[in-house]
Amino acid sequence: MVIPTVNLAKTGANIVRLRKQAGLTVRDMQKVFGFNSPQAIYKWQKGVALPTVDNLIILEVLLQVSIDEILVVDHVVA
């Protein structure tokens, strides 16, 4: 059986790449999400945490890509 798992580090690197490609700063994203501080975004980018489903949908629109293009999924054989 193949079990998909989200690769946090690669997804974080992807978010950084896509953010830069869209010409956005971390502060720009902080304002869009209405966060008091940019810590959540830095955690996403470092691969420490994943955005919630709601925030993934916002990222999808903001970065003009699909969620599949944001998340990096590894397939592990169990």
N, C-alpha and C. Protein backbone atom coordinates (compact mmCIF):
# COMPACT_ATOMS: atom_id res chain seq x y z
N MET A 1 0.84 -1.17 0.00
CA MET A 1 0.00 0.00 0.00
C MET A 1 0.89 1.24 0.00
N VAL A 2 0.54 2.22 -0.82
CA VAL A 2 1.28 3.47 -0.89
C VAL A 2 0.54 4.52 -0.07
N ILE A 3 1.27 5.13 0.86
CA ILE A 3 0.68 6.13 1.74
C ILE A 3 1.29 7.50 1.43
N PRO A 4 0.47 8.46 1.00
CA PRO A 4 1.00 9.79 0.72
C PRO A 4 1.24 10.58 2.01
N THR A 5 2.37 11.28 2.08
CA THR A 5 2.66 12.15 3.21
C THR A 5 3.18 13.48 2.68
N VAL A 6 2.80 14.55 3.35
CA VAL A 6 3.26 15.87 2.94
C VAL A 6 4.69 16.06 3.44
N ASN A 7 5.58 16.42 2.53
CA ASN A 7 6.96 16.71 2.89
C ASN A 7 7.02 18.17 3.33
N LEU A 8 7.16 18.38 4.64
CA LEU A 8 7.11 19.73 5.19
C LEU A 8 8.24 20.62 4.67
N ALA A 9 9.45 20.10 4.63
CA ALA A 9 10.60 20.90 4.20
C ALA A 9 10.46 21.33 2.74
N LYS A 10 10.10 20.38 1.88
CA LYS A 10 9.97 20.71 0.45
C LYS A 10 8.77 21.61 0.20
N THR A 11 7.70 21.42 0.96
CA THR A 11 6.53 22.30 0.83
C THR A 11 6.90 23.72 1.26
N GLY A 12 7.66 23.84 2.34
CA GLY A 12 8.12 25.16 2.79
C GLY A 12 8.97 25.85 1.75
N ALA A 13 9.89 25.10 1.15
CA ALA A 13 10.73 25.67 0.10
C ALA A 13 9.88 26.08 -1.10
N ASN A 14 8.86 25.31 -1.38
CA ASN A 14 7.93 25.62 -2.46
C ASN A 14 7.18 26.92 -2.19
N ILE A 15 6.74 27.10 -0.96
CA ILE A 15 6.03 28.33 -0.60
C ILE A 15 6.95 29.54 -0.77
N VAL A 16 8.20 29.41 -0.38
CA VAL A 16 9.17 30.51 -0.56
C VAL A 16 9.32 30.82 -2.05
N ARG A 17 9.53 29.78 -2.85
CA ARG A 17 9.72 29.97 -4.30
C ARG A 17 8.50 30.62 -4.94
N LEU A 18 7.33 30.11 -4.62
CA LEU A 18 6.10 30.64 -5.21
C LEU A 18 5.81 32.07 -4.75
N ARG A 19 6.13 32.36 -3.49
CA ARG A 19 5.94 33.71 -2.97
C ARG A 19 6.81 34.70 -3.72
N LYS A 20 8.09 34.34 -3.88
CA LYS A 20 9.02 35.21 -4.61
C LYS A 20 8.62 35.35 -6.07
N GLN A 21 8.20 34.24 -6.66
CA GLN A 21 7.76 34.24 -8.06
C GLN A 21 6.56 35.19 -8.24
N ALA A 22 5.71 35.28 -7.23
CA ALA A 22 4.53 36.16 -7.28
C ALA A 22 4.89 37.60 -6.92
N GLY A 23 6.15 37.84 -6.54
CA GLY A 23 6.59 39.19 -6.19
C GLY A 23 6.08 39.67 -4.85
N LEU A 24 5.86 38.73 -3.93
CA LEU A 24 5.32 39.07 -2.62
C LEU A 24 6.40 38.94 -1.54
N THR A 25 6.30 39.80 -0.54
CA THR A 25 7.16 39.67 0.63
C THR A 25 6.38 38.94 1.72
N VAL A 26 7.09 38.54 2.75
CA VAL A 26 6.43 37.91 3.89
C VAL A 26 5.45 38.90 4.51
N ARG A 27 5.83 40.16 4.59
CA ARG A 27 4.95 41.19 5.15
C ARG A 27 3.69 41.36 4.30
N ASP A 28 3.83 41.27 2.97
CA ASP A 28 2.65 41.33 2.10
C ASP A 28 1.68 40.22 2.45
N MET A 29 2.22 39.02 2.62
CA MET A 29 1.38 37.87 2.95
C MET A 29 0.75 38.03 4.33
N GLN A 30 1.52 38.56 5.26
CA GLN A 30 1.01 38.78 6.61
C GLN A 30 -0.23 39.67 6.56
N LYS A 31 -0.18 40.72 5.76
CA LYS A 31 -1.32 41.63 5.64
C LYS A 31 -2.53 40.93 5.03
N VAL A 32 -2.30 40.12 3.99
CA VAL A 32 -3.41 39.41 3.34
C VAL A 32 -4.10 38.47 4.32
N PHE A 33 -3.31 37.75 5.10
CA PHE A 33 -3.88 36.79 6.04
C PHE A 33 -4.41 37.46 7.32
N GLY A 34 -4.04 38.73 7.53
CA GLY A 34 -4.50 39.44 8.72
C GLY A 34 -3.82 38.98 9.99
N PHE A 35 -2.60 38.44 9.85
CA PHE A 35 -1.85 37.99 11.02
C PHE A 35 -1.22 39.19 11.73
N ASN A 36 -1.15 39.13 13.06
CA ASN A 36 -0.50 40.19 13.84
C ASN A 36 1.01 40.17 13.67
N SER A 37 1.56 38.99 13.41
CA SER A 37 2.99 38.85 13.19
C SER A 37 3.20 37.86 12.04
N PRO A 38 4.39 37.86 11.46
CA PRO A 38 4.66 36.96 10.33
C PRO A 38 5.10 35.56 10.73
N GLN A 39 5.05 35.24 12.03
CA GLN A 39 5.61 33.97 12.51
C GLN A 39 5.02 32.74 11.82
N ALA A 40 3.71 32.72 11.60
CA ALA A 40 3.08 31.56 10.96
C ALA A 40 3.66 31.35 9.56
N ILE A 41 3.84 32.42 8.84
CA ILE A 41 4.37 32.32 7.47
C ILE A 41 5.81 31.81 7.50
N TYR A 42 6.60 32.32 8.44
CA TYR A 42 7.97 31.82 8.57
C TYR A 42 7.99 30.33 8.93
N LYS A 43 7.05 29.89 9.76
CA LYS A 43 6.97 28.47 10.11
C LYS A 43 6.62 27.63 8.88
N TRP A 44 5.72 28.13 8.04
CA TRP A 44 5.39 27.41 6.80
C TRP A 44 6.63 27.29 5.94
N GLN A 45 7.34 28.42 5.78
CA GLN A 45 8.50 28.45 4.89
C GLN A 45 9.65 27.59 5.39
N LYS A 46 9.79 27.45 6.69
CA LYS A 46 10.86 26.62 7.27
C LYS A 46 10.49 25.15 7.33
N GLY A 47 9.23 24.83 7.01
CA GLY A 47 8.79 23.45 7.07
C GLY A 47 8.51 22.97 8.48
N VAL A 48 8.24 23.90 9.39
CA VAL A 48 7.93 23.57 10.77
C VAL A 48 6.44 23.28 10.92
N ALA A 49 5.63 23.96 10.11
CA ALA A 49 4.17 23.80 10.19
C ALA A 49 3.58 23.94 8.79
N LEU A 50 2.37 23.45 8.65
CA LEU A 50 1.63 23.59 7.39
C LEU A 50 0.51 24.61 7.56
N PRO A 51 0.17 25.31 6.49
CA PRO A 51 -1.01 26.18 6.56
C PRO A 51 -2.26 25.34 6.78
N THR A 52 -3.25 25.91 7.44
CA THR A 52 -4.53 25.23 7.58
C THR A 52 -5.19 25.12 6.21
N VAL A 53 -6.21 24.33 6.11
CA VAL A 53 -6.92 24.17 4.83
C VAL A 53 -7.43 25.52 4.34
N ASP A 54 -8.00 26.32 5.23
CA ASP A 54 -8.49 27.66 4.86
C ASP A 54 -7.36 28.51 4.30
N ASN A 55 -6.20 28.47 4.96
CA ASN A 55 -5.07 29.26 4.51
C ASN A 55 -4.47 28.72 3.22
N LEU A 56 -4.53 27.42 3.01
CA LEU A 56 -4.08 26.85 1.73
C LEU A 56 -4.93 27.39 0.58
N ILE A 57 -6.22 27.52 0.81
CA ILE A 57 -7.11 28.04 -0.23
C ILE A 57 -6.76 29.50 -0.53
N ILE A 58 -6.46 30.27 0.50
CA ILE A 58 -6.04 31.66 0.28
C ILE A 58 -4.71 31.70 -0.46
N LEU A 59 -3.77 30.84 -0.07
CA LEU A 59 -2.48 30.77 -0.77
C LEU A 59 -2.65 30.44 -2.24
N GLU A 60 -3.55 29.52 -2.51
CA GLU A 60 -3.84 29.11 -3.89
C GLU A 60 -4.23 30.32 -4.73
N VAL A 61 -5.11 31.14 -4.20
CA VAL A 61 -5.57 32.34 -4.92
C VAL A 61 -4.46 33.39 -4.99
N LEU A 62 -3.82 33.62 -3.85
CA LEU A 62 -2.78 34.64 -3.75
C LEU A 62 -1.60 34.35 -4.68
N LEU A 63 -1.18 33.09 -4.72
CA LEU A 63 -0.02 32.71 -5.53
C LEU A 63 -0.39 32.31 -6.95
N GLN A 64 -1.69 32.23 -7.22
CA GLN A 64 -2.22 31.88 -8.54
C GLN A 64 -1.72 30.51 -9.02
N VAL A 65 -1.78 29.55 -8.10
CA VAL A 65 -1.42 28.16 -8.41
C VAL A 65 -2.44 27.26 -7.73
N SER A 66 -2.41 25.97 -8.06
CA SER A 66 -3.31 25.03 -7.39
C SER A 66 -2.68 24.57 -6.07
N ILE A 67 -3.49 24.04 -5.20
CA ILE A 67 -2.97 23.51 -3.93
C ILE A 67 -1.97 22.39 -4.22
N ASP A 68 -2.21 21.62 -5.27
CA ASP A 68 -1.27 20.56 -5.65
C ASP A 68 0.11 21.11 -5.99
N GLU A 69 0.16 22.35 -6.44
CA GLU A 69 1.44 22.97 -6.77
C GLU A 69 2.13 23.54 -5.52
N ILE A 70 1.39 23.71 -4.45
CA ILE A 70 1.96 24.22 -3.20
C ILE A 70 2.51 23.08 -2.36
N LEU A 71 1.71 22.04 -2.19
CA LEU A 71 2.11 20.90 -1.37
C LEU A 71 3.02 19.94 -2.14
N VAL A 72 4.05 19.46 -1.47
CA VAL A 72 4.91 18.43 -2.03
C VAL A 72 4.60 17.14 -1.28
N VAL A 73 4.11 16.15 -2.01
CA VAL A 73 3.68 14.91 -1.41
C VAL A 73 4.65 13.78 -1.77
N ASP A 74 5.13 13.10 -0.73
CA ASP A 74 5.96 11.91 -0.92
C ASP A 74 5.05 10.69 -0.80
N HIS A 75 5.38 9.66 -1.51
CA HIS A 75 4.59 8.42 -1.45
C HIS A 75 5.46 7.32 -0.83
N VAL A 76 5.01 6.86 0.33
CA VAL A 76 5.77 5.87 1.09
C VAL A 76 5.06 4.51 0.97
N VAL A 77 5.81 3.50 0.66
CA VAL A 77 5.24 2.15 0.58
C VAL A 77 5.24 1.56 1.98
N ALA A 78 4.06 1.14 2.41
CA ALA A 78 3.93 0.56 3.76
C ALA A 78 3.71 -0.93 3.69
